[in-house]
């Protein structure tokens, strides 16, 4: 694999929240699988109070760690570090990821060969090696969203119901990659703008990819490079009500920002109502699952 040139530099940005051990493993993987390019690592901790900051300062003294006194959310915390960096490329990396050998150099080499690529993402796999279908996505349609959230689209490999998972994309240009690992060209980021801080958490990655595409930049999915993604490592498998609200508000904001201006009022109101109904059902279902889990653990 061609090595990156000495002139290139890379910034890595990680946002942590109550994820000390995940952060430690992520930083260890970065230390064991570094890029050839000189790299600066920034961690913004969202008021974890679990020893994350102390652990980083003790075991990773070269990491620039910023301990926030409040939970800034994903977009705002990332932007805080992105504004401080100056490198040619920037990697937004979730703490529940682990890099693999030559993963960074392989992706940087592709971006050097393809100056039209603004964002690149790898094949994400779970710890058991199972493919994470969120590695690459299409911008949502109403039918695709219905297929995704009802589960019908997850049980088929083709068709409009499976649209959101971009089943026909095996590599190359794609609508969006996952915010767990987004390697970006800083020049493109400065051209398009940083994460929209109106998205507290969720959908901010899809929004950024949408804006990159609208500005003429290519988002690239590279299946030959694999990165481990624990999945829900920081948010948990059962979303708390605040996160559940943030997830559904992200859906609403994305639709209102990018789709609503081109649609009729009746259609927009129907979509908004559907999101509200889905939020209500999700809150009830999550609470029921939480109660069942508590009962089982107590018995």
C-alpha atoms as a PDB file:
ATOM      1  CA  UNK A   1       0.000   0.000   0.000  1.00  0.00           C
ATOM      2  CA  UNK A   2       1.497   3.394  -0.927  1.00  0.00           C
ATOM      3  CA  UNK A   3       2.640   5.327   2.112  1.00  0.00           C
ATOM      4  CA  UNK A   4       1.331   8.775   2.791  1.00  0.00           C
ATOM      5  CA  UNK A   5       3.764  11.575   2.135  1.00  0.00           C
ATOM      6  CA  UNK A   6       5.618  13.332   4.926  1.00  0.00           C
ATOM      7  CA  UNK A   7       3.861  16.574   4.083  1.00  0.00           C
ATOM      8  CA  UNK A   8       0.473  15.212   5.137  1.00  0.00           C
ATOM      9  CA  UNK A   9      -0.853  15.527   8.645  1.00  0.00           C
ATOM     10  CA  UNK A  10      -3.845  13.922  10.327  1.00  0.00           C
ATOM     11  CA  UNK A  11      -6.068  15.039  13.207  1.00  0.00           C
ATOM     12  CA  UNK A  12      -8.089  12.411  15.067  1.00  0.00           C
ATOM     13  CA  UNK A  13     -11.109  13.619  17.064  1.00  0.00           C
ATOM     14  CA  UNK A  14     -12.852  11.412  19.651  1.00  0.00           C
ATOM     15  CA  UNK A  15     -15.830  12.443  21.766  1.00  0.00           C
ATOM     16  CA  UNK A  16     -16.268  10.437  24.973  1.00  0.00           C
ATOM     17  CA  UNK A  17     -19.099  10.064  27.440  1.00  0.00           C
ATOM     18  CA  UNK A  18     -18.967   7.534  30.289  1.00  0.00           C
ATOM     19  CA  UNK A  19     -16.865   5.201  28.151  1.00  0.00           C
ATOM     20  CA  UNK A  20     -13.475   4.980  29.854  1.00  0.00           C
ATOM     21  CA  UNK A  21     -12.642   1.401  28.842  1.00  0.00           C
ATOM     22  CA  UNK A  22     -13.876   1.880  25.288  1.00  0.00           C
ATOM     23  CA  UNK A  23     -11.755   5.030  24.970  1.00  0.00           C
ATOM     24  CA  UNK A  24      -8.737   3.195  26.341  1.00  0.00           C
ATOM     25  CA  UNK A  25      -9.121   0.356  23.840  1.00  0.00           C
ATOM     26  CA  UNK A  26      -9.726   2.812  20.996  1.00  0.00           C
ATOM     27  CA  UNK A  27      -6.600   4.827  21.826  1.00  0.00           C
ATOM     28  CA  UNK A  28      -4.579   1.636  22.198  1.00  0.00           C
ATOM     29  CA  UNK A  29      -5.676   0.543  18.724  1.00  0.00           C
ATOM     30  CA  UNK A  30      -4.645   3.951  17.385  1.00  0.00           C
ATOM     31  CA  UNK A  31      -1.264   3.613  19.081  1.00  0.00           C
ATOM     32  CA  UNK A  32      -0.775   0.092  17.702  1.00  0.00           C
ATOM     33  CA  UNK A  33      -1.991   0.958  14.186  1.00  0.00           C
ATOM     34  CA  UNK A  34      -0.822   4.520  13.556  1.00  0.00           C
ATOM     35  CA  UNK A  35      -0.884   6.403  10.294  1.00  0.00           C
ATOM     36  CA  UNK A  36       2.396   7.122   8.532  1.00  0.00           C
ATOM     37  CA  UNK A  37       1.423  10.788   8.557  1.00  0.00           C
ATOM     38  CA  UNK A  38       2.160  12.800  11.727  1.00  0.00           C
ATOM     39  CA  UNK A  39      -0.993  12.604  13.818  1.00  0.00           C
ATOM     40  CA  UNK A  40      -2.557  14.778  16.508  1.00  0.00           C
ATOM     41  CA  UNK A  41      -5.244  13.210  18.700  1.00  0.00           C
ATOM     42  CA  UNK A  42      -7.958  15.261  20.401  1.00  0.00           C
ATOM     43  CA  UNK A  43     -10.438  13.872  22.929  1.00  0.00           C
ATOM     44  CA  UNK A  44     -13.375  15.946  24.122  1.00  0.00           C
ATOM     45  CA  UNK A  45     -14.936  14.395  27.214  1.00  0.00           C
ATOM     46  CA  UNK A  46     -18.589  15.294  27.786  1.00  0.00           C
ATOM     47  CA  UNK A  47     -18.496  15.529  31.596  1.00  0.00           C
ATOM     48  CA  UNK A  48     -18.169  11.774  32.118  1.00  0.00           C
ATOM     49  CA  UNK A  49     -16.994  11.768  35.751  1.00  0.00           C
ATOM     50  CA  UNK A  50     -15.920   8.136  35.349  1.00  0.00           C
ATOM     51  CA  UNK A  51     -12.153   8.599  35.302  1.00  0.00           C
ATOM     52  CA  UNK A  52     -11.861   8.889  31.503  1.00  0.00           C
ATOM     53  CA  UNK A  53      -9.919  12.155  31.605  1.00  0.00           C
ATOM     54  CA  UNK A  54      -7.541  10.927  34.315  1.00  0.00           C
ATOM     55  CA  UNK A  55      -6.939   7.660  32.451  1.00  0.00           C
ATOM     56  CA  UNK A  56      -6.063   9.480  29.226  1.00  0.00           C
ATOM     57  CA  UNK A  57      -3.694  11.885  30.944  1.00  0.00           C
ATOM     58  CA  UNK A  58      -1.970   9.032  32.741  1.00  0.00           C
ATOM     59  CA  UNK A  59      -1.657   6.496  29.913  1.00  0.00           C
ATOM     60  CA  UNK A  60      -1.820   8.646  26.774  1.00  0.00           C
ATOM     61  CA  UNK A  61       0.089  11.850  27.606  1.00  0.00           C
ATOM     62  CA  UNK A  62       0.406  12.826  23.918  1.00  0.00           C
ATOM     63  CA  UNK A  63      -3.372  13.072  23.549  1.00  0.00           C
ATOM     64  CA  UNK A  64      -4.900  16.539  23.811  1.00  0.00           C
ATOM     65  CA  UNK A  65      -7.831  15.970  26.175  1.00  0.00           C
ATOM     66  CA  UNK A  66     -10.469  18.607  26.860  1.00  0.00           C
ATOM     67  CA  UNK A  67     -12.656  17.965  29.901  1.00  0.00           C
ATOM     68  CA  UNK A  68     -15.995  19.703  29.372  1.00  0.00           C
ATOM     69  CA  UNK A  69     -18.030  20.588  32.453  1.00  0.00           C
ATOM     70  CA  UNK A  70     -21.244  19.722  30.578  1.00  0.00           C
ATOM     71  CA  UNK A  71     -22.485  17.245  28.000  1.00  0.00           C
ATOM     72  CA  UNK A  72     -22.097  19.226  24.786  1.00  0.00           C
ATOM     73  CA  UNK A  73     -23.588  16.529  22.591  1.00  0.00           C
ATOM     74  CA  UNK A  74     -21.874  14.837  19.652  1.00  0.00           C
ATOM     75  CA  UNK A  75     -21.927  17.627  17.067  1.00  0.00           C
ATOM     76  CA  UNK A  76     -20.879  20.488  19.314  1.00  0.00           C
ATOM     77  CA  UNK A  77     -18.107  18.495  21.021  1.00  0.00           C
ATOM     78  CA  UNK A  78     -16.667  17.353  17.690  1.00  0.00           C
ATOM     79  CA  UNK A  79     -16.773  20.884  16.313  1.00  0.00           C
ATOM     80  CA  UNK A  80     -14.938  22.141  19.382  1.00  0.00           C
ATOM     81  CA  UNK A  81     -11.952  19.917  18.520  1.00  0.00           C
ATOM     82  CA  UNK A  82     -12.270  20.304  14.751  1.00  0.00           C
ATOM     83  CA  UNK A  83     -11.823  24.069  15.072  1.00  0.00           C
ATOM     84  CA  UNK A  84      -8.572  23.556  16.957  1.00  0.00           C
ATOM     85  CA  UNK A  85      -6.974  21.253  14.386  1.00  0.00           C
ATOM     86  CA  UNK A  86      -5.103  22.356  11.279  1.00  0.00           C
ATOM     87  CA  UNK A  87      -4.114  19.088   9.550  1.00  0.00           C
ATOM     88  CA  UNK A  88      -4.846  18.172   5.939  1.00  0.00           C
ATOM     89  CA  UNK A  89      -7.147  15.353   6.994  1.00  0.00           C
ATOM     90  CA  UNK A  90      -9.352  14.828  10.023  1.00  0.00           C
ATOM     91  CA  UNK A  91     -10.787  11.584  11.350  1.00  0.00           C
ATOM     92  CA  UNK A  92     -13.933  11.738  13.472  1.00  0.00           C
ATOM     93  CA  UNK A  93     -13.782   8.496  15.441  1.00  0.00           C
ATOM     94  CA  UNK A  94     -16.197   6.994  17.953  1.00  0.00           C
ATOM     95  CA  UNK A  95     -14.698   5.623  21.181  1.00  0.00           C
ATOM     96  CA  UNK A  96     -16.393   2.275  20.523  1.00  0.00           C
ATOM     97  CA  UNK A  97     -14.209   1.599  17.468  1.00  0.00           C
ATOM     98  CA  UNK A  98     -10.867  -0.163  17.107  1.00  0.00           C
ATOM     99  CA  UNK A  99      -8.510   0.443  14.213  1.00  0.00           C
ATOM    100  CA  UNK A 100      -6.823  -2.358  12.300  1.00  0.00           C
ATOM    101  CA  UNK A 101      -3.410  -2.671  10.660  1.00  0.00           C
ATOM    102  CA  UNK A 102      -2.805  -0.103   7.884  1.00  0.00           C
ATOM    103  CA  UNK A 103      -6.441   1.007   7.977  1.00  0.00           C
ATOM    104  CA  UNK A 104      -5.530   4.694   8.190  1.00  0.00           C
ATOM    105  CA  UNK A 105      -2.786   4.609   5.555  1.00  0.00           C
ATOM    106  CA  UNK A 106      -4.995   2.662   3.146  1.00  0.00           C
ATOM    107  CA  UNK A 107      -7.810   5.211   3.364  1.00  0.00           C
ATOM    108  CA  UNK A 108      -5.476   8.198   3.237  1.00  0.00           C
ATOM    109  CA  UNK A 109      -3.858   6.754   0.106  1.00  0.00           C
ATOM    110  CA  UNK A 110      -7.266   6.530  -1.596  1.00  0.00           C
ATOM    111  CA  UNK A 111      -8.030  10.137  -0.744  1.00  0.00           C
ATOM    112  CA  UNK A 112      -4.649  11.223  -2.091  1.00  0.00           C
ATOM    113  CA  UNK A 113      -5.433   9.451  -5.363  1.00  0.00           C
ATOM    114  CA  UNK A 114      -8.981  10.816  -5.487  1.00  0.00           C
ATOM    115  CA  UNK A 115      -8.995  14.574  -4.825  1.00  0.00           C
ATOM    116  CA  UNK A 116     -12.774  14.603  -5.399  1.00  0.00           C
ATOM    117  CA  UNK A 117     -13.388  12.476  -2.311  1.00  0.00           C
ATOM    118  CA  UNK A 118     -14.330  14.584   0.705  1.00  0.00           C
ATOM    119  CA  UNK A 119     -15.340  11.814   3.128  1.00  0.00           C
ATOM    120  CA  UNK A 120     -14.335   8.153   3.258  1.00  0.00           C
ATOM    121  CA  UNK A 121     -15.509   5.355   5.523  1.00  0.00           C
ATOM    122  CA  UNK A 122     -14.432   1.703   5.903  1.00  0.00           C
ATOM    123  CA  UNK A 123     -16.295  -1.565   6.291  1.00  0.00           C
ATOM    124  CA  UNK A 124     -17.433  -1.671   9.913  1.00  0.00           C
ATOM    125  CA  UNK A 125     -17.762  -5.026  11.653  1.00  0.00           C
ATOM    126  CA  UNK A 126     -19.014  -6.027  15.079  1.00  0.00           C
ATOM    127  CA  UNK A 127     -16.713  -7.666  17.601  1.00  0.00           C
ATOM    128  CA  UNK A 128     -17.921 -11.084  16.423  1.00  0.00           C
ATOM    129  CA  UNK A 129     -16.992 -10.190  12.837  1.00  0.00           C
ATOM    130  CA  UNK A 130     -20.571  -9.600  11.682  1.00  0.00           C
ATOM    131  CA  UNK A 131     -20.958  -6.848   9.103  1.00  0.00           C
ATOM    132  CA  UNK A 132     -22.450  -3.599  10.379  1.00  0.00           C
ATOM    133  CA  UNK A 133     -24.931  -2.634   7.656  1.00  0.00           C
ATOM    134  CA  UNK A 134     -24.784   0.997   8.782  1.00  0.00           C
ATOM    135  CA  UNK A 135     -21.297   1.185   7.233  1.00  0.00           C
ATOM    136  CA  UNK A 136     -22.869   2.667   4.124  1.00  0.00           C
ATOM    137  CA  UNK A 137     -26.298   4.195   3.674  1.00  0.00           C
ATOM    138  CA  UNK A 138     -28.532   5.902   1.164  1.00  0.00           C
ATOM    139  CA  UNK A 139     -30.265   9.141   1.996  1.00  0.00           C
ATOM    140  CA  UNK A 140     -33.638   8.090   3.433  1.00  0.00           C
ATOM    141  CA  UNK A 141     -36.888   7.947   1.551  1.00  0.00           C
ATOM    142  CA  UNK A 142     -40.283   7.486   3.216  1.00  0.00           C
ATOM    143  CA  UNK A 143     -40.573   3.901   1.956  1.00  0.00           C
ATOM    144  CA  UNK A 144     -36.960   3.153   2.872  1.00  0.00           C
ATOM    145  CA  UNK A 145     -37.445   4.539   6.373  1.00  0.00           C
ATOM    146  CA  UNK A 146     -40.591   2.445   6.836  1.00  0.00           C
ATOM    147  CA  UNK A 147     -38.692  -0.636   5.709  1.00  0.00           C
ATOM    148  CA  UNK A 148     -35.813   0.110   8.047  1.00  0.00           C
ATOM    149  CA  UNK A 149     -37.809   0.834  11.181  1.00  0.00           C
ATOM    150  CA  UNK A 150     -40.360  -1.954  10.716  1.00  0.00           C
ATOM    151  CA  UNK A 151     -37.534  -4.417  10.131  1.00  0.00           C
ATOM    152  CA  UNK A 152     -38.867  -5.467   6.720  1.00  0.00           C
ATOM    153  CA  UNK A 153     -35.976  -3.789   4.941  1.00  0.00           C
ATOM    154  CA  UNK A 154     -33.467  -5.649   7.108  1.00  0.00           C
ATOM    155  CA  UNK A 155     -34.810  -9.003   5.970  1.00  0.00           C
ATOM    156  CA  UNK A 156     -34.404  -8.344   2.274  1.00  0.00           C
ATOM    157  CA  UNK A 157     -31.358  -7.587   0.174  1.00  0.00           C
ATOM    158  CA  UNK A 158     -33.083  -5.660  -2.598  1.00  0.00           C
ATOM    159  CA  UNK A 159     -35.971  -3.322  -3.293  1.00  0.00           C
ATOM    160  CA  UNK A 160     -37.302  -0.023  -2.014  1.00  0.00           C
ATOM    161  CA  UNK A 161     -37.804  -1.305   1.545  1.00  0.00           C
ATOM    162  CA  UNK A 162     -34.074  -2.071   1.829  1.00  0.00           C
ATOM    163  CA  UNK A 163     -33.094   1.255   0.235  1.00  0.00           C
ATOM    164  CA  UNK A 164     -31.694   2.913   3.387  1.00  0.00           C
ATOM    165  CA  UNK A 165     -28.982   0.268   3.772  1.00  0.00           C
ATOM    166  CA  UNK A 166     -27.662   0.933   0.233  1.00  0.00           C
ATOM    167  CA  UNK A 167     -27.729  -2.789  -0.682  1.00  0.00           C
ATOM    168  CA  UNK A 168     -26.552  -2.196  -4.249  1.00  0.00           C
ATOM    169  CA  UNK A 169     -23.395  -0.352  -3.172  1.00  0.00           C
ATOM    170  CA  UNK A 170     -20.469  -2.723  -2.757  1.00  0.00           C
ATOM    171  CA  UNK A 171     -17.801  -0.040  -2.757  1.00  0.00           C
ATOM    172  CA  UNK A 172     -17.039   3.409  -4.102  1.00  0.00           C
ATOM    173  CA  UNK A 173     -19.306   6.485  -4.154  1.00  0.00           C
ATOM    174  CA  UNK A 174     -22.216   6.274  -1.717  1.00  0.00           C
ATOM    175  CA  UNK A 175     -24.682   8.722  -0.210  1.00  0.00           C
ATOM    176  CA  UNK A 176     -23.380   8.422   3.357  1.00  0.00           C
ATOM    177  CA  UNK A 177     -21.001   6.565   5.645  1.00  0.00           C
ATOM    178  CA  UNK A 178     -21.274   6.028   9.385  1.00  0.00           C
ATOM    179  CA  UNK A 179     -20.319   8.764  11.847  1.00  0.00           C
ATOM    180  CA  UNK A 180     -18.438   6.173  13.912  1.00  0.00           C
ATOM    181  CA  UNK A 181     -15.562   6.565  11.427  1.00  0.00           C
ATOM    182  CA  UNK A 182     -15.488   9.512   9.042  1.00  0.00           C
ATOM    183  CA  UNK A 183     -12.143  10.428   7.491  1.00  0.00           C
ATOM    184  CA  UNK A 184     -12.518  13.867   5.920  1.00  0.00           C
ATOM    185  CA  UNK A 185     -10.483  16.254   3.819  1.00  0.00           C
ATOM    186  CA  UNK A 186     -10.159  19.458   5.838  1.00  0.00           C
ATOM    187  CA  UNK A 187     -10.367  21.617   2.733  1.00  0.00           C
ATOM    188  CA  UNK A 188     -13.740  20.054   1.955  1.00  0.00           C
ATOM    189  CA  UNK A 189     -14.890  20.433   5.550  1.00  0.00           C
ATOM    190  CA  UNK A 190     -13.990  24.104   5.510  1.00  0.00           C
ATOM    191  CA  UNK A 191     -15.848  24.454   2.215  1.00  0.00           C
ATOM    192  CA  UNK A 192     -19.034  22.741   3.440  1.00  0.00           C
ATOM    193  CA  UNK A 193     -19.016  23.620   7.129  1.00  0.00           C
ATOM    194  CA  UNK A 194     -18.754  21.623  10.345  1.00  0.00           C
ATOM    195  CA  UNK A 195     -21.407  19.438  11.970  1.00  0.00           C
ATOM    196  CA  UNK A 196     -24.782  21.116  12.356  1.00  0.00           C
ATOM    197  CA  UNK A 197     -25.006  21.692  16.111  1.00  0.00           C
ATOM    198  CA  UNK A 198     -28.793  21.637  15.888  1.00  0.00           C
ATOM    199  CA  UNK A 199     -28.346  17.845  15.870  1.00  0.00           C
ATOM    200  CA  UNK A 200     -27.455  17.122  19.511  1.00  0.00           C
ATOM    201  CA  UNK A 201     -26.837  13.477  18.698  1.00  0.00           C
ATOM    202  CA  UNK A 202     -27.892  11.220  15.788  1.00  0.00           C
ATOM    203  CA  UNK A 203     -28.356  12.105  12.091  1.00  0.00           C
ATOM    204  CA  UNK A 204     -25.558  14.686  12.163  1.00  0.00           C
ATOM    205  CA  UNK A 205     -23.385  12.348  10.077  1.00  0.00           C
ATOM    206  CA  UNK A 206     -26.120  11.898   7.473  1.00  0.00           C
ATOM    207  CA  UNK A 207     -26.649  15.658   7.368  1.00  0.00           C
ATOM    208  CA  UNK A 208     -22.930  16.297   6.844  1.00  0.00           C
ATOM    209  CA  UNK A 209     -22.713  13.742   4.023  1.00  0.00           C
ATOM    210  CA  UNK A 210     -25.798  15.312   2.419  1.00  0.00           C
ATOM    211  CA  UNK A 211     -24.184  18.748   2.493  1.00  0.00           C
ATOM    212  CA  UNK A 212     -20.907  17.350   1.124  1.00  0.00           C
ATOM    213  CA  UNK A 213     -22.772  15.795  -1.799  1.00  0.00           C
ATOM    214  CA  UNK A 214     -24.702  18.968  -2.475  1.00  0.00           C
ATOM    215  CA  UNK A 215     -21.395  20.869  -2.628  1.00  0.00           C
ATOM    216  CA  UNK A 216     -19.998  18.415  -5.178  1.00  0.00           C
ATOM    217  CA  UNK A 217     -17.782  16.303  -2.904  1.00  0.00           C
ATOM    218  CA  UNK A 218     -17.811  12.509  -3.140  1.00  0.00           C
ATOM    219  CA  UNK A 219     -18.484  10.336  -0.098  1.00  0.00           C
ATOM    220  CA  UNK A 220     -16.648   7.033  -0.557  1.00  0.00           C
ATOM    221  CA  UNK A 221     -17.249   3.622   1.033  1.00  0.00           C
ATOM    222  CA  UNK A 222     -14.159   1.378   1.068  1.00  0.00           C
ATOM    223  CA  UNK A 223     -14.953  -2.282   1.894  1.00  0.00           C
ATOM    224  CA  UNK A 224     -11.323  -3.435   1.596  1.00  0.00           C
ATOM    225  CA  UNK A 225     -10.539  -1.668   4.896  1.00  0.00           C
ATOM    226  CA  UNK A 226     -12.103  -3.056   8.068  1.00  0.00           C
ATOM    227  CA  UNK A 227     -12.604  -1.309  11.421  1.00  0.00           C
ATOM    228  CA  UNK A 228     -14.239  -2.861  14.486  1.00  0.00           C
ATOM    229  CA  UNK A 229     -17.362  -1.112  15.794  1.00  0.00           C
ATOM    230  CA  UNK A 230     -18.829  -2.228  19.118  1.00  0.00           C
ATOM    231  CA  UNK A 231     -22.147  -0.526  18.208  1.00  0.00           C
ATOM    232  CA  UNK A 232     -24.104   1.378  20.860  1.00  0.00           C
ATOM    233  CA  UNK A 233     -21.041   1.142  23.060  1.00  0.00           C
ATOM    234  CA  UNK A 234     -21.591   4.590  24.533  1.00  0.00           C
ATOM    235  CA  UNK A 235     -25.366   5.010  24.219  1.00  0.00           C
ATOM    236  CA  UNK A 236     -26.323   1.512  25.340  1.00  0.00           C
ATOM    237  CA  UNK A 237     -28.654  -0.996  23.695  1.00  0.00           C
ATOM    238  CA  UNK A 238     -31.712   0.577  25.365  1.00  0.00           C
ATOM    239  CA  UNK A 239     -31.873   4.303  24.638  1.00  0.00           C
ATOM    240  CA  UNK A 240     -32.693   6.538  27.560  1.00  0.00           C
ATOM    241  CA  UNK A 241     -35.673   8.882  26.941  1.00  0.00           C
ATOM    242  CA  UNK A 242     -33.368  11.843  26.245  1.00  0.00           C
ATOM    243  CA  UNK A 243     -31.464   9.874  23.606  1.00  0.00           C
ATOM    244  CA  UNK A 244     -34.694   8.505  22.172  1.00  0.00           C
ATOM    245  CA  UNK A 245     -36.000  12.033  21.781  1.00  0.00           C
ATOM    246  CA  UNK A 246     -32.684  13.169  20.245  1.00  0.00           C
ATOM    247  CA  UNK A 247     -32.815  10.316  17.727  1.00  0.00           C
ATOM    248  CA  UNK A 248     -36.316  11.169  16.545  1.00  0.00           C
ATOM    249  CA  UNK A 249     -35.700  14.906  16.623  1.00  0.00           C
ATOM    250  CA  UNK A 250     -32.685  14.250  14.394  1.00  0.00           C
ATOM    251  CA  UNK A 251     -34.966  12.510  11.901  1.00  0.00           C
ATOM    252  CA  UNK A 252     -37.395  15.414  11.975  1.00  0.00           C
ATOM    253  CA  UNK A 253     -34.674  18.037  11.635  1.00  0.00           C
ATOM    254  CA  UNK A 254     -33.041  16.229   8.704  1.00  0.00           C
ATOM    255  CA  UNK A 255     -36.368  15.956   6.859  1.00  0.00           C
ATOM    256  CA  UNK A 256     -37.382  19.536   7.627  1.00  0.00           C
ATOM    257  CA  UNK A 257     -33.986  20.886   6.563  1.00  0.00           C
ATOM    258  CA  UNK A 258     -33.444  18.944   3.340  1.00  0.00           C
ATOM    259  CA  UNK A 259     -36.772  17.541   2.120  1.00  0.00           C
ATOM    260  CA  UNK A 260     -39.648  19.635   3.441  1.00  0.00           C
ATOM    261  CA  UNK A 261     -39.001  22.759   1.312  1.00  0.00           C
ATOM    262  CA  UNK A 262     -39.621  20.700  -1.852  1.00  0.00           C
ATOM    263  CA  UNK A 263     -42.749  18.872  -0.633  1.00  0.00           C
ATOM    264  CA  UNK A 264     -46.373  19.846  -0.111  1.00  0.00           C
ATOM    265  CA  UNK A 265     -47.577  20.849   3.336  1.00  0.00           C
ATOM    266  CA  UNK A 266     -49.862  17.822   3.653  1.00  0.00           C
ATOM    267  CA  UNK A 267     -47.005  15.425   3.007  1.00  0.00           C
ATOM    268  CA  UNK A 268     -44.752  17.235   5.473  1.00  0.00           C
ATOM    269  CA  UNK A 269     -47.410  17.150   8.191  1.00  0.00           C
ATOM    270  CA  UNK A 270     -47.911  13.433   7.595  1.00  0.00           C
ATOM    271  CA  UNK A 271     -44.181  12.793   7.963  1.00  0.00           C
ATOM    272  CA  UNK A 272     -43.955  14.880  11.136  1.00  0.00           C
ATOM    273  CA  UNK A 273     -46.929  13.050  12.609  1.00  0.00           C
ATOM    274  CA  UNK A 274     -45.360   9.717  11.718  1.00  0.00           C
ATOM    275  CA  UNK A 275     -42.139  10.648  13.513  1.00  0.00           C
ATOM    276  CA  UNK A 276     -44.076  11.708  16.622  1.00  0.00           C
ATOM    277  CA  UNK A 277     -46.035   8.450  16.631  1.00  0.00           C
ATOM    278  CA  UNK A 278     -42.842   6.453  16.191  1.00  0.00           C
ATOM    279  CA  UNK A 279     -41.255   8.305  19.105  1.00  0.00           C
ATOM    280  CA  UNK A 280     -44.211   7.453  21.329  1.00  0.00           C
ATOM    281  CA  UNK A 281     -44.116   3.781  20.352  1.00  0.00           C
ATOM    282  CA  UNK A 282     -40.350   3.669  20.806  1.00  0.00           C
ATOM    283  CA  UNK A 283     -40.548   5.149  24.314  1.00  0.00           C
ATOM    284  CA  UNK A 284     -43.199   2.618  25.348  1.00  0.00           C
ATOM    285  CA  UNK A 285     -41.355  -0.325  23.797  1.00  0.00           C
ATOM    286  CA  UNK A 286     -38.010   0.675  25.322  1.00  0.00           C
ATOM    287  CA  UNK A 287     -39.508   1.095  28.786  1.00  0.00           C
ATOM    288  CA  UNK A 288     -41.220  -2.289  28.523  1.00  0.00           C
ATOM    289  CA  UNK A 289     -37.941  -3.940  27.542  1.00  0.00           C
ATOM    290  CA  UNK A 290     -36.198  -2.177  30.412  1.00  0.00           C
ATOM    291  CA  UNK A 291     -38.777  -3.505  32.904  1.00  0.00           C
ATOM    292  CA  UNK A 292     -38.459  -7.045  31.533  1.00  0.00           C
ATOM    293  CA  UNK A 293     -34.683  -6.861  31.788  1.00  0.00           C
ATOM    294  CA  UNK A 294     -34.884  -5.640  35.404  1.00  0.00           C
ATOM    295  CA  UNK A 295     -37.313  -8.444  36.319  1.00  0.00           C
ATOM    296  CA  UNK A 296     -35.105 -11.077  34.742  1.00  0.00           C
ATOM    297  CA  UNK A 297     -31.987  -9.780  36.459  1.00  0.00           C
ATOM    298  CA  UNK A 298     -33.771  -9.767  39.824  1.00  0.00           C
ATOM    299  CA  UNK A 299     -35.082 -13.308  39.486  1.00  0.00           C
END
